[in-house]
Amino acid sequence: MLPDIMIELMKKSMLAGMGLAVVTKDKVLESLHELVEKGNLTKEEAAAMSEKIVATGEAETEKAKVQASHLFNELLHSANVVTKDQYDVLAARVTELEGKLHREFPNAD
């Protein structure tokens, strides 16, 4: 199995990334609000920029999730950890083979 320290490190990294995204969004909104107050942007321009920034952030977040998932799977593979899907396939094979064994040798247990 993966050492607990690796799992904790991955959790902390993901949480830090989410926290950074929230802080960044707040800072962007604050900056846009300041630009509107100074008259450098209209409210409509600020709203459009905000939507674009949020959409870009969401796309980047999804991309990061996919990359994190691939990294996690690579770590599992390199640590020689069996995934649930692999376990389920092997369990089904064992059940099938046990059934064949009991059919061919009904008195053996």
PDB file of N, CA and C in Angstrom:
ATOM      1  N   MET A   1       0.832  -1.198   0.000  1.00  0.00           N
ATOM      2  CA  MET A   1       0.000   0.000   0.000  1.00  0.00           C
ATOM      3  C   MET A   1       0.862   1.242   0.000  1.00  0.00           C
ATOM      4  N   LEU A   2       0.242   2.346  -0.437  1.00  0.00           N
ATOM      5  CA  LEU A   2       0.954   3.610  -0.391  1.00  0.00           C
ATOM      6  C   LEU A   2       1.184   4.007   1.054  1.00  0.00           C
ATOM      7  N   PRO A   3       2.359   4.503   1.339  1.00  0.00           N
ATOM      8  CA  PRO A   3       2.594   4.970   2.703  1.00  0.00           C
ATOM      9  C   PRO A   3       1.624   6.100   3.042  1.00  0.00           C
ATOM     10  N   ASP A   4       1.186   6.138   4.297  1.00  0.00           N
ATOM     11  CA  ASP A   4       0.243   7.163   4.737  1.00  0.00           C
ATOM     12  C   ASP A   4       0.775   8.560   4.492  1.00  0.00           C
ATOM     13  N   ILE A   5       2.081   8.724   4.595  1.00  0.00           N
ATOM     14  CA  ILE A   5       2.663  10.054   4.414  1.00  0.00           C
ATOM     15  C   ILE A   5       2.463  10.555   2.982  1.00  0.00           C
ATOM     16  N   MET A   6       2.521   9.650   1.994  1.00  0.00           N
ATOM     17  CA  MET A   6       2.295  10.046   0.606  1.00  0.00           C
ATOM     18  C   MET A   6       0.849  10.479   0.405  1.00  0.00           C
ATOM     19  N   ILE A   7      -0.072   9.745   0.993  1.00  0.00           N
ATOM     20  CA  ILE A   7      -1.488  10.076   0.864  1.00  0.00           C
ATOM     21  C   ILE A   7      -1.760  11.429   1.507  1.00  0.00           C
ATOM     22  N   GLU A   8      -1.202  11.659   2.688  1.00  0.00           N
ATOM     23  CA  GLU A   8      -1.392  12.942   3.379  1.00  0.00           C
ATOM     24  C   GLU A   8      -0.803  14.085   2.562  1.00  0.00           C
ATOM     25  N   LEU A   9       0.365  13.867   1.964  1.00  0.00           N
ATOM     26  CA  LEU A   9       0.991  14.895   1.142  1.00  0.00           C
ATOM     27  C   LEU A   9       0.113  15.240  -0.047  1.00  0.00           C
ATOM     28  N   MET A  10      -0.460  14.229  -0.682  1.00  0.00           N
ATOM     29  CA  MET A  10      -1.344  14.477  -1.823  1.00  0.00           C
ATOM     30  C   MET A  10      -2.583  15.244  -1.381  1.00  0.00           C
ATOM     31  N   LYS A  11      -3.180  14.861  -0.250  1.00  0.00           N
ATOM     32  CA  LYS A  11      -4.357  15.563   0.262  1.00  0.00           C
ATOM     33  C   LYS A  11      -4.037  17.028   0.529  1.00  0.00           C
ATOM     34  N   LYS A  12      -2.915  17.270   1.212  1.00  0.00           N
ATOM     35  CA  LYS A  12      -2.537  18.645   1.554  1.00  0.00           C
ATOM     36  C   LYS A  12      -2.271  19.466   0.297  1.00  0.00           C
ATOM     37  N   SER A  13      -1.655  18.866  -0.707  1.00  0.00           N
ATOM     38  CA  SER A  13      -1.386  19.573  -1.957  1.00  0.00           C
ATOM     39  C   SER A  13      -2.678  19.968  -2.652  1.00  0.00           C
ATOM     40  N   MET A  14      -3.636  19.037  -2.697  1.00  0.00           N
ATOM     41  CA  MET A  14      -4.918  19.335  -3.340  1.00  0.00           C
ATOM     42  C   MET A  14      -5.669  20.424  -2.586  1.00  0.00           C
ATOM     43  N   LEU A  15      -5.685  20.339  -1.253  1.00  0.00           N
ATOM     44  CA  LEU A  15      -6.371  21.356  -0.454  1.00  0.00           C
ATOM     45  C   LEU A  15      -5.703  22.716  -0.603  1.00  0.00           C
ATOM     46  N   ALA A  16      -4.386  22.732  -0.668  1.00  0.00           N
ATOM     47  CA  ALA A  16      -3.668  23.996  -0.854  1.00  0.00           C
ATOM     48  C   ALA A  16      -4.018  24.609  -2.200  1.00  0.00           C
ATOM     49  N   GLY A  17      -4.124  23.772  -3.219  1.00  0.00           N
ATOM     50  CA  GLY A  17      -4.504  24.264  -4.544  1.00  0.00           C
ATOM     51  C   GLY A  17      -5.892  24.865  -4.547  1.00  0.00           C
ATOM     52  N   MET A  18      -6.833  24.208  -3.861  1.00  0.00           N
ATOM     53  CA  MET A  18      -8.196  24.739  -3.790  1.00  0.00           C
ATOM     54  C   MET A  18      -8.218  26.047  -3.007  1.00  0.00           C
ATOM     55  N   GLY A  19      -7.461  26.119  -1.928  1.00  0.00           N
ATOM     56  CA  GLY A  19      -7.404  27.351  -1.138  1.00  0.00           C
ATOM     57  C   GLY A  19      -6.825  28.496  -1.942  1.00  0.00           C
ATOM     58  N   LEU A  20      -5.801  28.209  -2.723  1.00  0.00           N
ATOM     59  CA  LEU A  20      -5.189  29.224  -3.571  1.00  0.00           C
ATOM     60  C   LEU A  20      -6.186  29.731  -4.602  1.00  0.00           C
ATOM     61  N   ALA A  21      -6.986  28.834  -5.160  1.00  0.00           N
ATOM     62  CA  ALA A  21      -7.989  29.234  -6.145  1.00  0.00           C
ATOM     63  C   ALA A  21      -9.004  30.188  -5.533  1.00  0.00           C
ATOM     64  N   VAL A  22      -9.430  29.920  -4.311  1.00  0.00           N
ATOM     65  CA  VAL A  22     -10.401  30.789  -3.641  1.00  0.00           C
ATOM     66  C   VAL A  22      -9.790  32.157  -3.375  1.00  0.00           C
ATOM     67  N   VAL A  23      -8.561  32.183  -2.856  1.00  0.00           N
ATOM     68  CA  VAL A  23      -7.889  33.449  -2.571  1.00  0.00           C
ATOM     69  C   VAL A  23      -7.695  34.239  -3.863  1.00  0.00           C
ATOM     70  N   THR A  24      -7.268  33.566  -4.921  1.00  0.00           N
ATOM     71  CA  THR A  24      -7.037  34.224  -6.197  1.00  0.00           C
ATOM     72  C   THR A  24      -8.335  34.824  -6.735  1.00  0.00           C
ATOM     73  N   LYS A  25      -9.435  34.090  -6.659  1.00  0.00           N
ATOM     74  CA  LYS A  25     -10.724  34.592  -7.136  1.00  0.00           C
ATOM     75  C   LYS A  25     -11.122  35.838  -6.351  1.00  0.00           C
ATOM     76  N   ASP A  26     -10.953  35.803  -5.034  1.00  0.00           N
ATOM     77  CA  ASP A  26     -11.275  36.970  -4.208  1.00  0.00           C
ATOM     78  C   ASP A  26     -10.427  38.172  -4.605  1.00  0.00           C
ATOM     79  N   LYS A  27      -9.142  37.955  -4.840  1.00  0.00           N
ATOM     80  CA  LYS A  27      -8.244  39.049  -5.231  1.00  0.00           C
ATOM     81  C   LYS A  27      -8.628  39.613  -6.596  1.00  0.00           C
ATOM     82  N   VAL A  28      -8.988  38.747  -7.527  1.00  0.00           N
ATOM     83  CA  VAL A  28      -9.405  39.201  -8.859  1.00  0.00           C
ATOM     84  C   VAL A  28     -10.659  40.057  -8.744  1.00  0.00           C
ATOM     85  N   LEU A  29     -11.647  39.582  -7.994  1.00  0.00           N
ATOM     86  CA  LEU A  29     -12.883  40.347  -7.827  1.00  0.00           C
ATOM     87  C   LEU A  29     -12.609  41.692  -7.153  1.00  0.00           C
ATOM     88  N   GLU A  30     -11.733  41.694  -6.171  1.00  0.00           N
ATOM     89  CA  GLU A  30     -11.368  42.927  -5.483  1.00  0.00           C
ATOM     90  C   GLU A  30     -10.703  43.909  -6.454  1.00  0.00           C
ATOM     91  N   SER A  31      -9.788  43.392  -7.286  1.00  0.00           N
ATOM     92  CA  SER A  31      -9.096  44.241  -8.264  1.00  0.00           C
ATOM     93  C   SER A  31     -10.066  44.800  -9.297  1.00  0.00           C
ATOM     94  N   LEU A  32     -10.986  43.963  -9.759  1.00  0.00           N
ATOM     95  CA  LEU A  32     -11.970  44.433 -10.735  1.00  0.00           C
ATOM     96  C   LEU A  32     -12.861  45.507 -10.124  1.00  0.00           C
ATOM     97  N   HIS A  33     -13.247  45.301  -8.879  1.00  0.00           N
ATOM     98  CA  HIS A  33     -14.083  46.285  -8.190  1.00  0.00           C
ATOM     99  C   HIS A  33     -13.349  47.629  -8.078  1.00  0.00           C
ATOM    100  N   GLU A  34     -12.056  47.579  -7.763  1.00  0.00           N
ATOM    101  CA  GLU A  34     -11.255  48.804  -7.677  1.00  0.00           C
ATOM    102  C   GLU A  34     -11.189  49.511  -9.024  1.00  0.00           C
ATOM    103  N   LEU A  35     -11.017  48.741 -10.110  1.00  0.00           N
ATOM    104  CA  LEU A  35     -10.950  49.336 -11.440  1.00  0.00           C
ATOM    105  C   LEU A  35     -12.271  50.001 -11.817  1.00  0.00           C
ATOM    106  N   VAL A  36     -13.385  49.396 -11.395  1.00  0.00           N
ATOM    107  CA  VAL A  36     -14.696  49.988 -11.659  1.00  0.00           C
ATOM    108  C   VAL A  36     -14.838  51.291 -10.871  1.00  0.00           C
ATOM    109  N   GLU A  37     -14.429  51.263  -9.608  1.00  0.00           N
ATOM    110  CA  GLU A  37     -14.538  52.467  -8.772  1.00  0.00           C
ATOM    111  C   GLU A  37     -13.672  53.605  -9.308  1.00  0.00           C
ATOM    112  N   LYS A  38     -12.524  53.293  -9.872  1.00  0.00           N
ATOM    113  CA  LYS A  38     -11.632  54.320 -10.425  1.00  0.00           C
ATOM    114  C   LYS A  38     -12.103  54.798 -11.801  1.00  0.00           C
ATOM    115  N   GLY A  39     -13.066  54.074 -12.363  1.00  0.00           N
ATOM    116  CA  GLY A  39     -13.569  54.454 -13.681  1.00  0.00           C
ATOM    117  C   GLY A  39     -12.776  53.871 -14.830  1.00  0.00           C
ATOM    118  N   ASN A  40     -11.872  52.959 -14.549  1.00  0.00           N
ATOM    119  CA  ASN A  40     -11.069  52.334 -15.601  1.00  0.00           C
ATOM    120  C   ASN A  40     -11.842  51.240 -16.343  1.00  0.00           C
ATOM    121  N   LEU A  41     -12.883  50.706 -15.713  1.00  0.00           N
ATOM    122  CA  LEU A  41     -13.728  49.658 -16.312  1.00  0.00           C
ATOM    123  C   LEU A  41     -15.181  49.972 -15.989  1.00  0.00           C
ATOM    124  N   THR A  42     -16.055  49.575 -16.900  1.00  0.00           N
ATOM    125  CA  THR A  42     -17.476  49.661 -16.585  1.00  0.00           C
ATOM    126  C   THR A  42     -17.861  48.416 -15.806  1.00  0.00           C
ATOM    127  N   LYS A  43     -19.015  48.441 -15.173  1.00  0.00           N
ATOM    128  CA  LYS A  43     -19.491  47.258 -14.454  1.00  0.00           C
ATOM    129  C   LYS A  43     -19.666  46.088 -15.410  1.00  0.00           C
ATOM    130  N   GLU A  44     -20.135  46.382 -16.621  1.00  0.00           N
ATOM    131  CA  GLU A  44     -20.346  45.324 -17.621  1.00  0.00           C
ATOM    132  C   GLU A  44     -19.019  44.695 -18.039  1.00  0.00           C
ATOM    133  N   GLU A  45     -17.998  45.532 -18.233  1.00  0.00           N
ATOM    134  CA  GLU A  45     -16.676  45.013 -18.607  1.00  0.00           C
ATOM    135  C   GLU A  45     -16.099  44.159 -17.472  1.00  0.00           C
ATOM    136  N   ALA A  46     -16.280  44.639 -16.252  1.00  0.00           N
ATOM    137  CA  ALA A  46     -15.789  43.887 -15.095  1.00  0.00           C
ATOM    138  C   ALA A  46     -16.508  42.552 -14.975  1.00  0.00           C
ATOM    139  N   ALA A  47     -17.824  42.573 -15.204  1.00  0.00           N
ATOM    140  CA  ALA A  47     -18.591  41.318 -15.127  1.00  0.00           C
ATOM    141  C   ALA A  47     -18.134  40.344 -16.202  1.00  0.00           C
ATOM    142  N   ALA A  48     -17.901  40.851 -17.419  1.00  0.00           N
ATOM    143  CA  ALA A  48     -17.445  39.985 -18.515  1.00  0.00           C
ATOM    144  C   ALA A  48     -16.057  39.414 -18.209  1.00  0.00           C
ATOM    145  N   MET A  49     -15.175  40.249 -17.691  1.00  0.00           N
ATOM    146  CA  MET A  49     -13.829  39.771 -17.339  1.00  0.00           C
ATOM    147  C   MET A  49     -13.904  38.735 -16.228  1.00  0.00           C
ATOM    148  N   SER A  50     -14.773  38.998 -15.250  1.00  0.00           N
ATOM    149  CA  SER A  50     -14.934  38.066 -14.135  1.00  0.00           C
ATOM    150  C   SER A  50     -15.409  36.709 -14.639  1.00  0.00           C
ATOM    151  N   GLU A  51     -16.408  36.720 -15.524  1.00  0.00           N
ATOM    152  CA  GLU A  51     -16.923  35.454 -16.079  1.00  0.00           C
ATOM    153  C   GLU A  51     -15.846  34.709 -16.848  1.00  0.00           C
ATOM    154  N   LYS A  52     -15.057  35.466 -17.623  1.00  0.00           N
ATOM    155  CA  LYS A  52     -13.991  34.830 -18.403  1.00  0.00           C
ATOM    156  C   LYS A  52     -12.938  34.224 -17.476  1.00  0.00           C
ATOM    157  N   ILE A  53     -12.575  34.952 -16.437  1.00  0.00           N
ATOM    158  CA  ILE A  53     -11.571  34.459 -15.491  1.00  0.00           C
ATOM    159  C   ILE A  53     -12.079  33.215 -14.763  1.00  0.00           C
ATOM    160  N   VAL A  54     -13.354  33.249 -14.350  1.00  0.00           N
ATOM    161  CA  VAL A  54     -13.937  32.095 -13.657  1.00  0.00           C
ATOM    162  C   VAL A  54     -13.980  30.881 -14.592  1.00  0.00           C
ATOM    163  N   ALA A  55     -14.389  31.098 -15.855  1.00  0.00           N
ATOM    164  CA  ALA A  55     -14.452  29.984 -16.813  1.00  0.00           C
ATOM    165  C   ALA A  55     -13.066  29.395 -17.044  1.00  0.00           C
ATOM    166  N   THR A  56     -12.076  30.265 -17.180  1.00  0.00           N
ATOM    167  CA  THR A  56     -10.701  29.795 -17.368  1.00  0.00           C
ATOM    168  C   THR A  56     -10.229  29.026 -16.135  1.00  0.00           C
ATOM    169  N   GLY A  57     -10.553  29.549 -14.958  1.00  0.00           N
ATOM    170  CA  GLY A  57     -10.178  28.872 -13.713  1.00  0.00           C
ATOM    171  C   GLY A  57     -10.818  27.504 -13.583  1.00  0.00           C
ATOM    172  N   GLU A  58     -12.095  27.410 -13.965  1.00  0.00           N
ATOM    173  CA  GLU A  58     -12.785  26.117 -13.902  1.00  0.00           C
ATOM    174  C   GLU A  58     -12.158  25.119 -14.861  1.00  0.00           C
ATOM    175  N   ALA A  59     -11.803  25.589 -16.064  1.00  0.00           N
ATOM    176  CA  ALA A  59     -11.166  24.694 -17.040  1.00  0.00           C
ATOM    177  C   ALA A  59      -9.809  24.219 -16.522  1.00  0.00           C
ATOM    178  N   GLU A  60      -9.053  25.127 -15.926  1.00  0.00           N
ATOM    179  CA  GLU A  60      -7.745  24.757 -15.377  1.00  0.00           C
ATOM    180  C   GLU A  60      -7.894  23.804 -14.194  1.00  0.00           C
ATOM    181  N   THR A  61      -8.931  24.016 -13.379  1.00  0.00           N
ATOM    182  CA  THR A  61      -9.179  23.129 -12.245  1.00  0.00           C
ATOM    183  C   THR A  61      -9.494  21.722 -12.731  1.00  0.00           C
ATOM    184  N   GLU A  62     -10.326  21.627 -13.757  1.00  0.00           N
ATOM    185  CA  GLU A  62     -10.673  20.308 -14.309  1.00  0.00           C
ATOM    186  C   GLU A  62      -9.434  19.633 -14.882  1.00  0.00           C
ATOM    187  N   LYS A  63      -8.616  20.404 -15.567  1.00  0.00           N
ATOM    188  CA  LYS A  63      -7.370  19.869 -16.134  1.00  0.00           C
ATOM    189  C   LYS A  63      -6.458  19.361 -15.011  1.00  0.00           C
ATOM    190  N   ALA A  64      -6.372  20.126 -13.923  1.00  0.00           N
ATOM    191  CA  ALA A  64      -5.539  19.723 -12.786  1.00  0.00           C
ATOM    192  C   ALA A  64      -6.073  18.453 -12.144  1.00  0.00           C
ATOM    193  N   LYS A  65      -7.411  18.315 -12.064  1.00  0.00           N
ATOM    194  CA  LYS A  65      -8.005  17.100 -11.494  1.00  0.00           C
ATOM    195  C   LYS A  65      -7.621  15.878 -12.318  1.00  0.00           C
ATOM    196  N   VAL A  66      -7.687  16.013 -13.644  1.00  0.00           N
ATOM    197  CA  VAL A  66      -7.341  14.892 -14.527  1.00  0.00           C
ATOM    198  C   VAL A  66      -5.868  14.528 -14.347  1.00  0.00           C
ATOM    199  N   GLN A  67      -5.015  15.550 -14.304  1.00  0.00           N
ATOM    200  CA  GLN A  67      -3.585  15.291 -14.122  1.00  0.00           C
ATOM    201  C   GLN A  67      -3.312  14.647 -12.769  1.00  0.00           C
ATOM    202  N   ALA A  68      -3.995  15.110 -11.725  1.00  0.00           N
ATOM    203  CA  ALA A  68      -3.810  14.526 -10.389  1.00  0.00           C
ATOM    204  C   ALA A  68      -4.259  13.076 -10.376  1.00  0.00           C
ATOM    205  N   SER A  69      -5.357  12.794 -11.067  1.00  0.00           N
ATOM    206  CA  SER A  69      -5.853  11.420 -11.140  1.00  0.00           C
ATOM    207  C   SER A  69      -4.841  10.508 -11.833  1.00  0.00           C
ATOM    208  N   HIS A  70      -4.280  10.992 -12.933  1.00  0.00           N
ATOM    209  CA  HIS A  70      -3.264  10.202 -13.649  1.00  0.00           C
ATOM    210  C   HIS A  70      -2.037   9.982 -12.765  1.00  0.00           C
ATOM    211  N   LEU A  71      -1.621  11.031 -12.073  1.00  0.00           N
ATOM    212  CA  LEU A  71      -0.468  10.909 -11.182  1.00  0.00           C
ATOM    213  C   LEU A  71      -0.743   9.899 -10.081  1.00  0.00           C
ATOM    214  N   PHE A  72      -1.933   9.979  -9.487  1.00  0.00           N
ATOM    215  CA  PHE A  72      -2.288   9.053  -8.421  1.00  0.00           C
ATOM    216  C   PHE A  72      -2.279   7.615  -8.932  1.00  0.00           C
ATOM    217  N   ASN A  73      -2.844   7.385 -10.113  1.00  0.00           N
ATOM    218  CA  ASN A  73      -2.848   6.040 -10.695  1.00  0.00           C
ATOM    219  C   ASN A  73      -1.435   5.547 -10.979  1.00  0.00           C
ATOM    220  N   GLU A  74      -0.566   6.447 -11.445  1.00  0.00           N
ATOM    221  CA  GLU A  74       0.827   6.065 -11.684  1.00  0.00           C
ATOM    222  C   GLU A  74       1.518   5.693 -10.365  1.00  0.00           C
ATOM    223  N   LEU A  75       1.228   6.462  -9.312  1.00  0.00           N
ATOM    224  CA  LEU A  75       1.810   6.146  -8.000  1.00  0.00           C
ATOM    225  C   LEU A  75       1.326   4.788  -7.507  1.00  0.00           C
ATOM    226  N   LEU A  76       0.037   4.516  -7.677  1.00  0.00           N
ATOM    227  CA  LEU A  76      -0.489   3.211  -7.273  1.00  0.00           C
ATOM    228  C   LEU A  76       0.187   2.091  -8.049  1.00  0.00           C
ATOM    229  N   HIS A  77       0.324   2.293  -9.349  1.00  0.00           N
ATOM    230  CA  HIS A  77       0.938   1.271 -10.190  1.00  0.00           C
ATOM    231  C   HIS A  77       2.396   1.040  -9.788  1.00  0.00           C
ATOM    232  N   SER A  78       3.133   2.134  -9.576  1.00  0.00           N
ATOM    233  CA  SER A  78       4.549   1.972  -9.228  1.00  0.00           C
ATOM    234  C   SER A  78       4.724   1.391  -7.828  1.00  0.00           C
ATOM    235  N   ALA A  79       3.722   1.552  -6.960  1.00  0.00           N
ATOM    236  CA  ALA A  79       3.796   0.986  -5.609  1.00  0.00           C
ATOM    237  C   ALA A  79       3.274  -0.448  -5.586  1.00  0.00           C
ATOM    238  N   ASN A  80       2.912  -0.973  -6.754  1.00  0.00           N
ATOM    239  CA  ASN A  80       2.381  -2.328  -6.879  1.00  0.00           C
ATOM    240  C   ASN A  80       1.140  -2.540  -6.019  1.00  0.00           C
ATOM    241  N   VAL A  81       0.251  -1.557  -6.013  1.00  0.00           N
ATOM    242  CA  VAL A  81      -1.010  -1.639  -5.288  1.00  0.00           C
ATOM    243  C   VAL A  81      -2.087  -2.060  -6.270  1.00  0.00           C
ATOM    244  N   VAL A  82      -2.912  -2.995  -5.863  1.00  0.00           N
ATOM    245  CA  VAL A  82      -3.994  -3.482  -6.709  1.00  0.00           C
ATOM    246  C   VAL A  82      -5.168  -2.506  -6.606  1.00  0.00           C
ATOM    247  N   THR A  83      -5.699  -2.106  -7.761  1.00  0.00           N
ATOM    248  CA  THR A  83      -6.862  -1.223  -7.749  1.00  0.00           C
ATOM    249  C   THR A  83      -8.114  -2.041  -7.454  1.00  0.00           C
ATOM    250  N   LYS A  84      -9.196  -1.373  -7.120  1.00  0.00           N
ATOM    251  CA  LYS A  84     -10.461  -2.059  -6.837  1.00  0.00           C
ATOM    252  C   LYS A  84     -10.932  -2.830  -8.068  1.00  0.00           C
ATOM    253  N   ASP A  85     -10.814  -2.229  -9.240  1.00  0.00           N
ATOM    254  CA  ASP A  85     -11.226  -2.915 -10.472  1.00  0.00           C
ATOM    255  C   ASP A  85     -10.420  -4.195 -10.688  1.00  0.00           C
ATOM    256  N   GLN A  86      -9.108  -4.120 -10.472  1.00  0.00           N
ATOM    257  CA  GLN A  86      -8.266  -5.305 -10.624  1.00  0.00           C
ATOM    258  C   GLN A  86      -8.648  -6.366  -9.594  1.00  0.00           C
ATOM    259  N   TYR A  87      -8.905  -5.940  -8.373  1.00  0.00           N
ATOM    260  CA  TYR A  87      -9.310  -6.861  -7.317  1.00  0.00           C
ATOM    261  C   TYR A  87     -10.632  -7.546  -7.679  1.00  0.00           C
ATOM    262  N   ASP A  88     -11.595  -6.758  -8.163  1.00  0.00           N
ATOM    263  CA  ASP A  88     -12.901  -7.316  -8.529  1.00  0.00           C
ATOM    264  C   ASP A  88     -12.778  -8.365  -9.632  1.00  0.00           C
ATOM    265  N   VAL A  89     -11.920  -8.100 -10.616  1.00  0.00           N
ATOM    266  CA  VAL A  89     -11.705  -9.063 -11.700  1.00  0.00           C
ATOM    267  C   VAL A  89     -11.119 -10.358 -11.139  1.00  0.00           C
ATOM    268  N   LEU A  90     -10.120 -10.232 -10.274  1.00  0.00           N
ATOM    269  CA  LEU A  90      -9.500 -11.426  -9.687  1.00  0.00           C
ATOM    270  C   LEU A  90     -10.474 -12.184  -8.782  1.00  0.00           C
ATOM    271  N   ALA A  91     -11.279 -11.463  -8.005  1.00  0.00           N
ATOM    272  CA  ALA A  91     -12.261 -12.110  -7.132  1.00  0.00           C
ATOM    273  C   ALA A  91     -13.281 -12.888  -7.960  1.00  0.00           C
ATOM    274  N   ALA A  92     -13.710 -12.326  -9.072  1.00  0.00           N
ATOM    275  CA  ALA A  92     -14.666 -13.024  -9.953  1.00  0.00           C
ATOM    276  C   ALA A  92     -14.035 -14.290 -10.530  1.00  0.00           C
ATOM    277  N   ARG A  93     -12.766 -14.202 -10.921  1.00  0.00           N
ATOM    278  CA  ARG A  93     -12.077 -15.387 -11.445  1.00  0.00           C
ATOM    279  C   ARG A  93     -11.955 -16.475 -10.387  1.00  0.00           C
ATOM    280  N   VAL A  94     -11.622 -16.090  -9.166  1.00  0.00           N
ATOM    281  CA  VAL A  94     -11.499 -17.068  -8.075  1.00  0.00           C
ATOM    282  C   VAL A  94     -12.839 -17.734  -7.818  1.00  0.00           C
ATOM    283  N   THR A  95     -13.906 -16.946  -7.783  1.00  0.00           N
ATOM    284  CA  THR A  95     -15.245 -17.496  -7.556  1.00  0.00           C
ATOM    285  C   THR A  95     -15.608 -18.487  -8.660  1.00  0.00           C
ATOM    286  N   GLU A  96     -15.304 -18.112  -9.898  1.00  0.00           N
ATOM    287  CA  GLU A  96     -15.590 -19.001 -11.034  1.00  0.00           C
ATOM    288  C   GLU A  96     -14.790 -20.298 -10.928  1.00  0.00           C
ATOM    289  N   LEU A  97     -13.511 -20.195 -10.602  1.00  0.00           N
ATOM    290  CA  LEU A  97     -12.667 -21.389 -10.482  1.00  0.00           C
ATOM    291  C   LEU A  97     -13.096 -22.268  -9.315  1.00  0.00           C
ATOM    292  N   GLU A  98     -13.502 -21.654  -8.213  1.00  0.00           N
ATOM    293  CA  GLU A  98     -14.004 -22.438  -7.083  1.00  0.00           C
ATOM    294  C   GLU A  98     -15.260 -23.203  -7.484  1.00  0.00           C
ATOM    295  N   GLY A  99     -16.131 -22.557  -8.262  1.00  0.00           N
ATOM    296  CA  GLY A  99     -17.347 -23.228  -8.733  1.00  0.00           C
ATOM    297  C   GLY A  99     -17.009 -24.430  -9.596  1.00  0.00           C
ATOM    298  N   LYS A 100     -16.052 -24.271 -10.512  1.00  0.00           N
ATOM    299  CA  LYS A 100     -15.635 -25.387 -11.368  1.00  0.00           C
ATOM    300  C   LYS A 100     -15.041 -26.516 -10.530  1.00  0.00           C
ATOM    301  N   LEU A 101     -14.232 -26.141  -9.547  1.00  0.00           N
ATOM    302  CA  LEU A 101     -13.602 -27.137  -8.691  1.00  0.00           C
ATOM    303  C   LEU A 101     -14.654 -27.942  -7.933  1.00  0.00           C
ATOM    304  N   HIS A 102     -15.644 -27.275  -7.380  1.00  0.00           N
ATOM    305  CA  HIS A 102     -16.685 -27.968  -6.616  1.00  0.00           C
ATOM    306  C   HIS A 102     -17.586 -28.813  -7.521  1.00  0.00           C
ATOM    307  N   ARG A 103     -17.768 -28.407  -8.768  1.00  0.00           N
ATOM    308  CA  ARG A 103     -18.564 -29.217  -9.693  1.00  0.00           C
ATOM    309  C   ARG A 103     -17.820 -30.488 -10.089  1.00  0.00           C
ATOM    310  N   GLU A 104     -16.485 -30.370 -10.282  1.00  0.00           N
ATOM    311  CA  GLU A 104     -15.710 -31.523 -10.696  1.00  0.00           C
ATOM    312  C   GLU A 104     -15.403 -32.459  -9.527  1.00  0.00           C
ATOM    313  N   PHE A 105     -15.254 -31.917  -8.348  1.00  0.00           N
ATOM    314  CA  PHE A 105     -14.951 -32.700  -7.163  1.00  0.00           C
ATOM    315  C   PHE A 105     -15.938 -32.336  -6.042  1.00  0.00           C
ATOM    316  N   PRO A 106     -17.169 -32.774  -6.161  1.00  0.00           N
ATOM    317  CA  PRO A 106     -18.227 -32.341  -5.242  1.00  0.00           C
ATOM    318  C   PRO A 106     -17.970 -32.707  -3.774  1.00  0.00           C
ATOM    319  N   ASN A 107     -17.248 -33.765  -3.506  1.00  0.00           N
ATOM    320  CA  ASN A 107     -17.038 -34.159  -2.115  1.00  0.00           C
ATOM    321  C   ASN A 107     -15.798 -33.533  -1.500  1.00  0.00           C
ATOM    322  N   ALA A 108     -14.937 -32.970  -2.302  1.00  0.00           N
ATOM    323  CA  ALA A 108     -13.720 -32.342  -1.792  1.00  0.00           C
ATOM    324  C   ALA A 108     -14.050 -30.968  -1.245  1.00  0.00           C
ATOM    325  N   ASP A 109     -13.489 -30.654  -0.092  1.00  0.00           N
ATOM    326  CA  ASP A 109     -13.744 -29.328   0.488  1.00  0.00           C
ATOM    327  C   ASP A 109     -12.512 -28.771   1.092  1.00  0.00           C
TER     328      ASP A 109
END
